Amino acid sequence: IIALGSNIENTDAVHPTETTIFQSYLTREEDPIWIGGSEAVTSFPFEEQLELTEPTWLIDNKQNGYYIPAGQRIGVHKLRQQSKHQRNGQDTRGNFATAWLDHGTAPQDERYEYTIVIGADSARMESFAKLMKDDEQAPYKVLQQDRHAHIVRDRQTGITAYALFEANEAIKHGVVAAVDTPSMVMVK
């Protein structure tokens, strides 16, 4: 699963703008999560923020892996969360592991990219990260990521996927030349 965001902006200079990568309930405080090639994080509470100068990966306590390219800021924590029950508004609490992308305050034209790998372990995420370093072997390639379109090519299947946000007559990737309305297209 490839998640892309673009054109993230607002004028709130007080509160950070964030994109949640995962938020997983912890059955036990020591339920593990992984951050890159490090040992499993079992401590509770735990909090870390990273400025990614190199790609990294995470694994939540449900064995979902998350590959995150360099040039992004992430936060990860394992904490007790307080919230309101969605049905009746009563106070609730629970222990959660959460990871998010930090776009900062008052972001202008920010973007994000991450990939979810289902059924992941450390070896699988290390292998995925290694493949992503080589353009000839990378599982996917982002061809366009802006306010007009998100276009991704999957190497294994040969599928090019298009999320076209508005009428567009200047598509520069693949066989789709134009659309007259917002469109989701997959071509093989």
N, C-alpha and C. Protein backbone atom coordinates (compact mmCIF):
# COMPACT_ATOMS: atom_id res chain seq x y z
N ILE A 1 0.86 -1.16 0.00
CA ILE A 1 0.00 0.00 0.00
C ILE A 1 0.90 1.22 0.00
N ILE A 2 0.74 2.07 -1.00
CA ILE A 2 1.56 3.27 -1.11
C ILE A 2 0.70 4.47 -0.76
N ALA A 3 1.11 5.23 0.25
CA ALA A 3 0.36 6.39 0.70
C ALA A 3 1.14 7.65 0.32
N LEU A 4 0.45 8.54 -0.42
CA LEU A 4 1.06 9.80 -0.83
C LEU A 4 0.16 10.95 -0.40
N GLY A 5 0.76 12.05 -0.05
CA GLY A 5 0.04 13.28 0.22
C GLY A 5 0.81 14.43 -0.39
N SER A 6 0.09 15.45 -0.81
CA SER A 6 0.75 16.62 -1.38
C SER A 6 -0.10 17.85 -1.12
N ASN A 7 0.53 19.01 -1.32
CA ASN A 7 -0.16 20.28 -1.17
C ASN A 7 -0.73 20.45 0.25
N ILE A 8 0.00 19.99 1.26
CA ILE A 8 -0.45 20.13 2.64
C ILE A 8 -0.08 21.53 3.10
N GLU A 9 -1.09 22.30 3.45
CA GLU A 9 -0.83 23.66 3.90
C GLU A 9 -1.95 24.17 4.78
N ASN A 10 -1.58 25.05 5.70
CA ASN A 10 -2.54 25.79 6.52
C ASN A 10 -1.81 26.96 7.15
N THR A 11 -2.53 27.79 7.87
CA THR A 11 -1.94 28.98 8.47
C THR A 11 -1.82 28.88 9.98
N ASP A 12 -2.05 27.72 10.56
CA ASP A 12 -1.96 27.54 12.02
C ASP A 12 -0.49 27.49 12.42
N ALA A 13 0.00 28.60 12.99
CA ALA A 13 1.40 28.69 13.38
C ALA A 13 1.64 28.21 14.80
N VAL A 14 0.60 27.72 15.48
CA VAL A 14 0.73 27.28 16.87
C VAL A 14 0.79 25.76 16.97
N HIS A 15 -0.08 25.07 16.24
CA HIS A 15 -0.19 23.61 16.36
C HIS A 15 0.45 22.92 15.15
N PRO A 16 1.19 21.84 15.39
CA PRO A 16 1.78 21.13 14.26
C PRO A 16 0.70 20.41 13.44
N THR A 17 0.95 20.30 12.16
CA THR A 17 0.09 19.52 11.26
C THR A 17 0.74 18.15 11.12
N GLU A 18 -0.06 17.11 11.32
CA GLU A 18 0.49 15.76 11.34
C GLU A 18 -0.36 14.83 10.49
N THR A 19 0.28 13.79 9.97
CA THR A 19 -0.39 12.70 9.27
C THR A 19 -0.10 11.43 10.06
N THR A 20 -1.15 10.77 10.54
CA THR A 20 -0.96 9.54 11.30
C THR A 20 -0.57 8.40 10.37
N ILE A 21 0.51 7.70 10.73
CA ILE A 21 0.94 6.51 9.99
C ILE A 21 0.23 5.29 10.57
N PHE A 22 0.29 5.14 11.89
CA PHE A 22 -0.48 4.08 12.54
C PHE A 22 -0.80 4.48 13.97
N GLN A 23 -1.87 3.91 14.49
CA GLN A 23 -2.25 4.04 15.89
C GLN A 23 -2.82 2.69 16.29
N SER A 24 -2.05 1.93 17.07
CA SER A 24 -2.41 0.55 17.40
C SER A 24 -2.60 0.39 18.90
N TYR A 25 -3.71 -0.23 19.26
CA TYR A 25 -3.97 -0.54 20.67
C TYR A 25 -2.94 -1.56 21.16
N LEU A 26 -2.43 -1.32 22.35
CA LEU A 26 -1.47 -2.24 22.98
C LEU A 26 -2.21 -3.09 24.00
N THR A 27 -2.26 -4.38 23.78
CA THR A 27 -2.88 -5.29 24.74
C THR A 27 -2.10 -5.26 26.05
N ARG A 28 -0.76 -5.20 25.93
CA ARG A 28 0.12 -5.10 27.09
C ARG A 28 1.09 -3.95 26.84
N GLU A 29 1.52 -3.27 27.89
CA GLU A 29 2.45 -2.16 27.74
C GLU A 29 3.72 -2.57 27.00
N GLU A 30 4.17 -3.80 27.20
CA GLU A 30 5.42 -4.27 26.59
C GLU A 30 5.24 -4.78 25.16
N ASP A 31 4.04 -4.72 24.58
CA ASP A 31 3.88 -5.11 23.18
C ASP A 31 4.94 -4.39 22.34
N PRO A 32 5.67 -5.11 21.48
CA PRO A 32 6.80 -4.50 20.77
C PRO A 32 6.40 -3.73 19.51
N ILE A 33 7.18 -2.71 19.22
CA ILE A 33 7.19 -2.05 17.92
C ILE A 33 8.66 -1.95 17.51
N TRP A 34 8.94 -1.71 16.24
CA TRP A 34 10.31 -1.62 15.76
C TRP A 34 10.51 -0.31 15.03
N ILE A 35 11.69 0.27 15.20
CA ILE A 35 12.09 1.48 14.49
C ILE A 35 13.40 1.18 13.80
N GLY A 36 13.35 1.00 12.49
CA GLY A 36 14.55 0.66 11.74
C GLY A 36 15.15 -0.65 12.21
N GLY A 37 16.45 -0.76 12.11
CA GLY A 37 17.13 -2.00 12.47
C GLY A 37 17.36 -2.17 13.96
N SER A 38 16.76 -1.31 14.76
CA SER A 38 16.97 -1.40 16.20
C SER A 38 16.26 -2.61 16.80
N GLU A 39 16.59 -2.88 18.04
CA GLU A 39 15.88 -3.91 18.80
C GLU A 39 14.42 -3.51 18.93
N ALA A 40 13.58 -4.46 19.23
CA ALA A 40 12.17 -4.16 19.47
C ALA A 40 12.05 -3.18 20.63
N VAL A 41 11.16 -2.21 20.48
CA VAL A 41 10.89 -1.25 21.56
C VAL A 41 9.78 -1.85 22.40
N THR A 42 10.11 -2.24 23.63
CA THR A 42 9.12 -2.81 24.55
C THR A 42 8.87 -1.89 25.73
N SER A 43 9.67 -0.84 25.89
CA SER A 43 9.51 0.05 27.04
C SER A 43 8.22 0.85 26.91
N PHE A 44 7.71 1.24 28.07
CA PHE A 44 6.48 2.02 28.14
C PHE A 44 6.56 2.92 29.37
N PRO A 45 6.35 4.19 29.27
CA PRO A 45 6.11 4.93 28.04
C PRO A 45 7.40 5.07 27.22
N PHE A 46 7.21 5.43 25.95
CA PHE A 46 8.32 5.61 25.03
C PHE A 46 7.95 6.73 24.07
N GLU A 47 8.93 7.57 23.72
CA GLU A 47 8.68 8.61 22.73
C GLU A 47 9.97 8.97 22.02
N GLU A 48 9.90 9.11 20.68
CA GLU A 48 11.06 9.49 19.89
C GLU A 48 10.60 10.28 18.67
N GLN A 49 11.39 11.29 18.31
CA GLN A 49 11.13 12.05 17.10
C GLN A 49 12.39 11.99 16.25
N LEU A 50 12.21 11.80 14.94
CA LEU A 50 13.34 11.62 14.04
C LEU A 50 13.21 12.51 12.81
N GLU A 51 14.31 13.12 12.43
CA GLU A 51 14.44 13.84 11.16
C GLU A 51 15.14 12.85 10.23
N LEU A 52 14.46 12.37 9.21
CA LEU A 52 14.99 11.28 8.39
C LEU A 52 15.95 11.80 7.31
N THR A 53 17.23 11.59 7.54
CA THR A 53 18.23 11.90 6.51
C THR A 53 18.47 10.68 5.63
N GLU A 54 18.02 9.52 6.08
CA GLU A 54 18.05 8.27 5.34
C GLU A 54 16.66 7.64 5.45
N PRO A 55 16.27 6.81 4.49
CA PRO A 55 14.99 6.11 4.64
C PRO A 55 15.02 5.25 5.91
N THR A 56 13.86 5.02 6.49
CA THR A 56 13.77 4.12 7.63
C THR A 56 12.50 3.29 7.51
N TRP A 57 12.31 2.39 8.45
CA TRP A 57 11.09 1.60 8.47
C TRP A 57 10.66 1.40 9.91
N LEU A 58 9.37 1.15 10.06
CA LEU A 58 8.75 0.87 11.35
C LEU A 58 7.95 -0.42 11.21
N ILE A 59 7.71 -1.08 12.33
CA ILE A 59 6.76 -2.20 12.36
C ILE A 59 5.90 -1.99 13.59
N ASP A 60 4.57 -2.01 13.40
CA ASP A 60 3.67 -1.87 14.54
C ASP A 60 3.48 -3.22 15.23
N ASN A 61 2.70 -3.25 16.28
CA ASN A 61 2.51 -4.49 17.03
C ASN A 61 1.52 -5.45 16.36
N LYS A 62 1.07 -5.13 15.16
CA LYS A 62 0.19 -6.00 14.38
C LYS A 62 0.92 -6.58 13.16
N GLN A 63 2.24 -6.41 13.11
CA GLN A 63 3.10 -6.89 12.03
C GLN A 63 2.83 -6.21 10.69
N ASN A 64 2.45 -4.94 10.75
CA ASN A 64 2.40 -4.11 9.56
C ASN A 64 3.69 -3.31 9.52
N GLY A 65 4.40 -3.36 8.38
CA GLY A 65 5.63 -2.60 8.21
C GLY A 65 5.35 -1.31 7.48
N TYR A 66 6.16 -0.30 7.75
CA TYR A 66 5.99 1.02 7.15
C TYR A 66 7.36 1.50 6.68
N TYR A 67 7.53 1.62 5.37
CA TYR A 67 8.77 2.15 4.79
C TYR A 67 8.57 3.64 4.59
N ILE A 68 9.51 4.44 5.11
CA ILE A 68 9.37 5.90 5.05
C ILE A 68 10.63 6.48 4.41
N PRO A 69 10.52 7.09 3.22
CA PRO A 69 11.68 7.68 2.55
C PRO A 69 12.28 8.84 3.35
N ALA A 70 13.52 9.14 3.05
CA ALA A 70 14.25 10.24 3.69
C ALA A 70 13.58 11.58 3.40
N GLY A 71 13.96 12.58 4.19
CA GLY A 71 13.48 13.94 3.98
C GLY A 71 12.18 14.23 4.70
N GLN A 72 11.76 13.35 5.60
CA GLN A 72 10.52 13.55 6.35
C GLN A 72 10.83 13.51 7.84
N ARG A 73 9.94 14.08 8.63
CA ARG A 73 10.06 14.05 10.09
C ARG A 73 8.98 13.13 10.63
N ILE A 74 9.38 12.20 11.52
CA ILE A 74 8.40 11.30 12.11
C ILE A 74 8.48 11.36 13.63
N GLY A 75 7.38 11.02 14.25
CA GLY A 75 7.33 10.83 15.69
C GLY A 75 6.76 9.45 15.95
N VAL A 76 7.23 8.83 17.03
CA VAL A 76 6.73 7.51 17.43
C VAL A 76 6.61 7.53 18.94
N HIS A 77 5.48 7.06 19.45
CA HIS A 77 5.40 6.90 20.90
C HIS A 77 4.51 5.73 21.28
N LYS A 78 4.72 5.30 22.52
CA LYS A 78 3.87 4.32 23.18
C LYS A 78 3.43 4.99 24.47
N LEU A 79 2.15 5.36 24.54
CA LEU A 79 1.65 6.14 25.68
C LEU A 79 0.23 5.74 26.02
N ARG A 80 -0.20 6.17 27.20
CA ARG A 80 -1.59 6.04 27.61
C ARG A 80 -2.35 7.20 26.97
N GLN A 81 -3.42 6.88 26.27
CA GLN A 81 -4.20 7.88 25.54
C GLN A 81 -5.55 8.07 26.20
N GLN A 82 -5.96 9.31 26.31
CA GLN A 82 -7.29 9.64 26.83
C GLN A 82 -8.11 10.18 25.67
N SER A 83 -9.35 9.73 25.57
CA SER A 83 -10.21 10.18 24.48
C SER A 83 -11.66 10.06 24.90
N LYS A 84 -12.55 10.33 23.97
CA LYS A 84 -14.00 10.23 24.21
C LYS A 84 -14.55 9.05 23.41
N HIS A 85 -15.45 8.30 24.02
CA HIS A 85 -16.10 7.18 23.35
C HIS A 85 -16.95 7.72 22.21
N GLN A 86 -16.87 7.11 21.03
CA GLN A 86 -17.57 7.64 19.85
C GLN A 86 -19.09 7.52 19.94
N ARG A 87 -19.60 6.60 20.73
CA ARG A 87 -21.06 6.43 20.82
C ARG A 87 -21.71 7.33 21.86
N ASN A 88 -21.03 7.50 23.01
CA ASN A 88 -21.71 8.22 24.09
C ASN A 88 -20.92 9.40 24.64
N GLY A 89 -19.73 9.67 24.15
CA GLY A 89 -18.95 10.82 24.58
C GLY A 89 -18.29 10.66 25.94
N GLN A 90 -18.40 9.49 26.56
CA GLN A 90 -17.77 9.28 27.86
C GLN A 90 -16.26 9.17 27.72
N ASP A 91 -15.56 9.53 28.80
CA ASP A 91 -14.10 9.43 28.82
C ASP A 91 -13.66 7.97 28.70
N THR A 92 -12.65 7.75 27.89
CA THR A 92 -12.04 6.43 27.77
C THR A 92 -10.54 6.61 27.83
N ARG A 93 -9.83 5.52 28.03
CA ARG A 93 -8.37 5.56 27.98
C ARG A 93 -7.86 4.18 27.62
N GLY A 94 -6.66 4.18 27.08
CA GLY A 94 -6.03 2.92 26.70
C GLY A 94 -4.59 3.18 26.30
N ASN A 95 -3.82 2.12 26.20
CA ASN A 95 -2.42 2.23 25.80
C ASN A 95 -2.31 2.00 24.30
N PHE A 96 -1.62 2.91 23.63
CA PHE A 96 -1.51 2.87 22.18
C PHE A 96 -0.07 3.12 21.74
N ALA A 97 0.31 2.50 20.64
CA ALA A 97 1.53 2.84 19.91
C ALA A 97 1.09 3.67 18.71
N THR A 98 1.73 4.80 18.52
CA THR A 98 1.35 5.71 17.45
C THR A 98 2.60 6.19 16.72
N ALA A 99 2.51 6.30 15.41
CA ALA A 99 3.57 6.91 14.60
C ALA A 99 2.91 7.93 13.69
N TRP A 100 3.60 9.04 13.45
CA TRP A 100 3.03 10.10 12.62
C TRP A 100 4.14 10.83 11.88
N LEU A 101 3.74 11.47 10.80
CA LEU A 101 4.60 12.36 10.04
C LEU A 101 4.32 13.77 10.54
N ASP A 102 5.38 14.51 10.83
CA ASP A 102 5.25 15.87 11.36
C ASP A 102 5.54 16.85 10.22
N HIS A 103 4.51 17.61 9.83
CA HIS A 103 4.67 18.60 8.75
C HIS A 103 4.99 19.98 9.29
N GLY A 104 5.09 20.11 10.62
CA GLY A 104 5.42 21.39 11.24
C GLY A 104 4.21 22.30 11.38
N THR A 105 4.47 23.50 11.84
CA THR A 105 3.40 24.49 11.98
C THR A 105 3.32 25.32 10.69
N ALA A 106 2.12 25.73 10.36
CA ALA A 106 1.86 26.52 9.15
C ALA A 106 2.59 25.97 7.92
N PRO A 107 2.41 24.69 7.61
CA PRO A 107 3.12 24.12 6.46
C PRO A 107 2.64 24.73 5.15
N GLN A 108 3.54 24.81 4.19
CA GLN A 108 3.23 25.29 2.86
C GLN A 108 3.74 24.28 1.84
N ASP A 109 2.82 23.72 1.06
CA ASP A 109 3.15 22.77 0.00
C ASP A 109 3.97 21.58 0.52
N GLU A 110 3.63 21.09 1.72
CA GLU A 110 4.28 19.90 2.27
C GLU A 110 3.74 18.66 1.58
N ARG A 111 4.45 17.56 1.72
CA ARG A 111 4.05 16.30 1.12
C ARG A 111 4.52 15.16 2.00
N TYR A 112 4.02 13.98 1.72
CA TYR A 112 4.51 12.79 2.40
C TYR A 112 4.42 11.59 1.48
N GLU A 113 5.21 10.58 1.85
CA GLU A 113 5.18 9.29 1.16
C GLU A 113 5.54 8.23 2.18
N TYR A 114 4.78 7.17 2.21
CA TYR A 114 5.18 5.97 2.96
C TYR A 114 4.48 4.77 2.34
N THR A 115 5.03 3.60 2.63
CA THR A 115 4.50 2.35 2.09
C THR A 115 4.20 1.41 3.23
N ILE A 116 3.06 0.73 3.16
CA ILE A 116 2.68 -0.26 4.17
C ILE A 116 2.94 -1.65 3.59
N VAL A 117 3.67 -2.46 4.35
CA VAL A 117 3.98 -3.84 3.97
C VAL A 117 3.26 -4.74 4.97
N ILE A 118 2.27 -5.48 4.51
CA ILE A 118 1.46 -6.34 5.38
C ILE A 118 2.25 -7.60 5.75
N GLY A 119 2.11 -8.04 6.99
CA GLY A 119 2.79 -9.26 7.45
C GLY A 119 4.29 -9.11 7.50
N ALA A 120 4.76 -7.98 8.01
CA ALA A 120 6.19 -7.67 7.99
C ALA A 120 6.91 -8.17 9.24
N ASP A 121 8.20 -8.42 9.04
CA ASP A 121 9.13 -8.62 10.13
C ASP A 121 10.39 -7.83 9.76
N SER A 122 11.38 -7.82 10.65
CA SER A 122 12.58 -7.02 10.42
C SER A 122 13.29 -7.41 9.12
N ALA A 123 13.41 -8.71 8.87
CA ALA A 123 14.10 -9.17 7.65
C ALA A 123 13.36 -8.69 6.40
N ARG A 124 12.05 -8.79 6.39
CA ARG A 124 11.28 -8.37 5.22
C ARG A 124 11.41 -6.86 5.00
N MET A 125 11.40 -6.07 6.09
CA MET A 125 11.52 -4.62 5.95
C MET A 125 12.94 -4.23 5.51
N GLU A 126 13.96 -4.90 6.02
CA GLU A 126 15.33 -4.63 5.58
C GLU A 126 15.46 -4.92 4.08
N SER A 127 14.88 -6.02 3.62
CA SER A 127 14.92 -6.38 2.20
C SER A 127 14.18 -5.34 1.35
N PHE A 128 13.01 -4.92 1.80
CA PHE A 128 12.23 -3.92 1.07
C PHE A 128 13.03 -2.62 0.96
N ALA A 129 13.61 -2.18 2.09
CA ALA A 129 14.39 -0.93 2.10
C ALA A 129 15.58 -1.02 1.16
N LYS A 130 16.22 -2.18 1.11
CA LYS A 130 17.37 -2.37 0.21
C LYS A 130 16.93 -2.27 -1.25
N LEU A 131 15.81 -2.90 -1.59
CA LEU A 131 15.29 -2.82 -2.96
C LEU A 131 14.95 -1.38 -3.34
N MET A 132 14.40 -0.61 -2.42
CA MET A 132 14.00 0.77 -2.71
C MET A 132 15.20 1.66 -3.03
N LYS A 133 16.40 1.27 -2.61
CA LYS A 133 17.60 2.07 -2.89
C LYS A 133 18.05 1.96 -4.34
N ASP A 134 17.58 0.94 -5.07
CA ASP A 134 18.00 0.67 -6.44
C ASP A 134 16.83 0.92 -7.39
N ASP A 135 16.91 1.96 -8.21
CA ASP A 135 15.81 2.30 -9.13
C ASP A 135 15.40 1.14 -10.02
N GLU A 136 16.34 0.26 -10.36
CA GLU A 136 16.04 -0.88 -11.23
C GLU A 136 15.28 -1.99 -10.51
N GLN A 137 15.35 -2.03 -9.18
CA GLN A 137 14.70 -3.09 -8.42
C GLN A 137 13.63 -2.59 -7.46
N ALA A 138 13.49 -1.30 -7.34
CA ALA A 138 12.51 -0.73 -6.40
C ALA A 138 11.12 -1.28 -6.72
N PRO A 139 10.38 -1.72 -5.70
CA PRO A 139 9.04 -2.27 -5.94
C PRO A 139 8.09 -1.30 -6.62
N TYR A 140 8.31 0.01 -6.41
CA TYR A 140 7.46 1.00 -7.06
C TYR A 140 8.26 2.27 -7.30
N LYS A 141 7.70 3.12 -8.17
CA LYS A 141 8.31 4.42 -8.44
C LYS A 141 7.20 5.46 -8.50
N VAL A 142 7.38 6.53 -7.75
CA VAL A 142 6.44 7.66 -7.80
C VAL A 142 6.83 8.49 -9.02
N LEU A 143 5.91 8.60 -9.97
CA LEU A 143 6.17 9.36 -11.19
C LEU A 143 5.73 10.81 -11.07
N GLN A 144 4.69 11.06 -10.29
CA GLN A 144 4.21 12.43 -10.08
C GLN A 144 3.51 12.49 -8.72
N GLN A 145 3.76 13.57 -7.99
CA GLN A 145 3.14 13.77 -6.69
C GLN A 145 3.02 15.28 -6.47
N ASP A 146 1.88 15.82 -6.90
CA ASP A 146 1.64 17.24 -6.71
C ASP A 146 0.14 17.50 -6.62
N ARG A 147 -0.24 18.75 -6.64
CA ARG A 147 -1.66 19.10 -6.46
C ARG A 147 -2.54 18.63 -7.62
N HIS A 148 -1.95 18.25 -8.73
CA HIS A 148 -2.71 17.82 -9.90
C HIS A 148 -2.91 16.31 -9.96
N ALA A 149 -1.87 15.57 -9.55
CA ALA A 149 -1.94 14.11 -9.71
C ALA A 149 -0.94 13.40 -8.82
N HIS A 150 -1.31 12.19 -8.46
CA HIS A 150 -0.38 11.22 -7.87
C HIS A 150 -0.35 10.04 -8.84
N ILE A 151 0.84 9.75 -9.35
CA ILE A 151 0.99 8.67 -10.33
C ILE A 151 2.13 7.77 -9.87
N VAL A 152 1.82 6.47 -9.77
CA VAL A 152 2.78 5.49 -9.25
C VAL A 152 2.83 4.29 -10.20
N ARG A 153 4.04 3.80 -10.46
CA ARG A 153 4.22 2.58 -11.28
C ARG A 153 4.69 1.44 -10.37
N ASP A 154 3.98 0.32 -10.44
CA ASP A 154 4.34 -0.89 -9.70
C ASP A 154 5.20 -1.76 -10.60
N ARG A 155 6.42 -2.05 -10.16
CA ARG A 155 7.37 -2.80 -10.98
C ARG A 155 6.92 -4.24 -11.23
N GLN A 156 6.47 -4.95 -10.20
CA GLN A 156 6.14 -6.37 -10.34
C GLN A 156 4.97 -6.61 -11.28
N THR A 157 3.92 -5.82 -11.16
CA THR A 157 2.72 -6.04 -11.98
C THR A 157 2.73 -5.26 -13.29
N GLY A 158 3.57 -4.21 -13.36
CA GLY A 158 3.56 -3.35 -14.53
C GLY A 158 2.38 -2.38 -14.55
N ILE A 159 1.67 -2.28 -13.45
CA ILE A 159 0.51 -1.37 -13.37
C ILE A 159 0.97 0.04 -13.05
N THR A 160 0.40 1.01 -13.75
CA THR A 160 0.58 2.42 -13.40
C THR A 160 -0.76 2.90 -12.88
N ALA A 161 -0.74 3.46 -11.68
CA ALA A 161 -1.96 3.93 -11.03
C ALA A 161 -1.97 5.46 -11.00
N TYR A 162 -3.12 6.03 -11.33
CA TYR A 162 -3.29 7.47 -11.41
C TYR A 162 -4.39 7.93 -10.46
N ALA A 163 -4.10 8.91 -9.62
CA ALA A 163 -5.11 9.64 -8.89
C ALA A 163 -5.05 11.05 -9.46
N LEU A 164 -6.04 11.40 -10.27
CA LEU A 164 -6.08 12.68 -10.98
C LEU A 164 -7.14 13.54 -10.33
N PHE A 165 -6.73 14.64 -9.72
CA PHE A 165 -7.60 15.40 -8.83
C PHE A 165 -8.50 16.41 -9.52
N GLU A 166 -8.25 16.65 -10.80
CA GLU A 166 -9.06 17.61 -11.56
C GLU A 166 -8.91 17.31 -13.04
N ALA A 167 -9.72 17.97 -13.85
CA ALA A 167 -9.55 17.82 -15.30
C ALA A 167 -8.10 18.15 -15.62
N ASN A 168 -7.51 17.35 -16.50
CA ASN A 168 -6.08 17.49 -16.74
C ASN A 168 -5.79 17.06 -18.18
N GLU A 169 -5.19 17.96 -18.94
CA GLU A 169 -4.87 17.65 -20.33
C GLU A 169 -3.37 17.55 -20.57
N ALA A 170 -2.60 17.52 -19.49
CA ALA A 170 -1.15 17.51 -19.65
C ALA A 170 -0.51 16.40 -18.82
N ILE A 171 -1.08 15.22 -18.86
CA ILE A 171 -0.54 14.10 -18.12
C ILE A 171 0.70 13.60 -18.87
N LYS A 172 1.81 13.49 -18.18
CA LYS A 172 3.08 13.20 -18.85
C LYS A 172 3.59 11.79 -18.62
N HIS A 173 2.80 10.93 -17.98
CA HIS A 173 3.30 9.60 -17.63
C HIS A 173 2.34 8.52 -18.13
N GLY A 174 2.86 7.59 -18.93
CA GLY A 174 2.06 6.45 -19.37
C GLY A 174 1.14 6.77 -20.52
N VAL A 175 0.09 5.94 -20.66
CA VAL A 175 -0.80 6.03 -21.81
C VAL A 175 -1.98 6.96 -21.59
N VAL A 176 -2.24 7.37 -20.37
CA VAL A 176 -3.34 8.31 -20.12
C VAL A 176 -2.87 9.70 -20.53
N ALA A 177 -3.58 10.31 -21.47
CA ALA A 177 -3.18 11.62 -21.98
C ALA A 177 -3.97 12.76 -21.34
N ALA A 178 -5.26 12.49 -20.99
CA ALA A 178 -6.09 13.57 -20.45
C ALA A 178 -7.32 12.97 -19.77
N VAL A 179 -7.89 13.71 -18.85
CA VAL A 179 -9.19 13.38 -18.25
C VAL A 179 -9.98 14.67 -18.15
N ASP A 180 -11.32 14.54 -18.20
CA ASP A 180 -12.15 15.75 -18.13
C ASP A 180 -12.83 15.90 -16.77
N THR A 181 -12.52 15.00 -15.85
CA THR A 181 -13.10 15.05 -14.51
C THR A 181 -12.13 14.36 -13.55
N PRO A 182 -12.19 14.62 -12.25
CA PRO A 182 -11.32 13.88 -11.33
C PRO A 182 -11.49 12.38 -11.55
N SER A 183 -10.36 11.65 -11.58
CA SER A 183 -10.41 10.24 -11.97
C SER A 183 -9.40 9.41 -11.19
N MET A 184 -9.75 8.15 -11.00
CA MET A 184 -8.82 7.13 -10.50
C MET A 184 -8.69 6.13 -11.63
N VAL A 185 -7.46 5.90 -12.10
CA VAL A 185 -7.24 5.04 -13.26
C VAL A 185 -6.07 4.10 -12.95
N MET A 186 -6.23 2.85 -13.37
CA MET A 186 -5.12 1.88 -13.30
C MET A 186 -4.94 1.31 -14.69
N VAL A 187 -3.70 1.30 -15.17
CA VAL A 187 -3.42 0.84 -16.53
C VAL A 187 -2.31 -0.21 -16.47
N LYS A 188 -2.52 -1.28 -17.25
CA LYS A 188 -1.48 -2.31 -17.35
C LYS A 188 -1.25 -2.60 -18.83
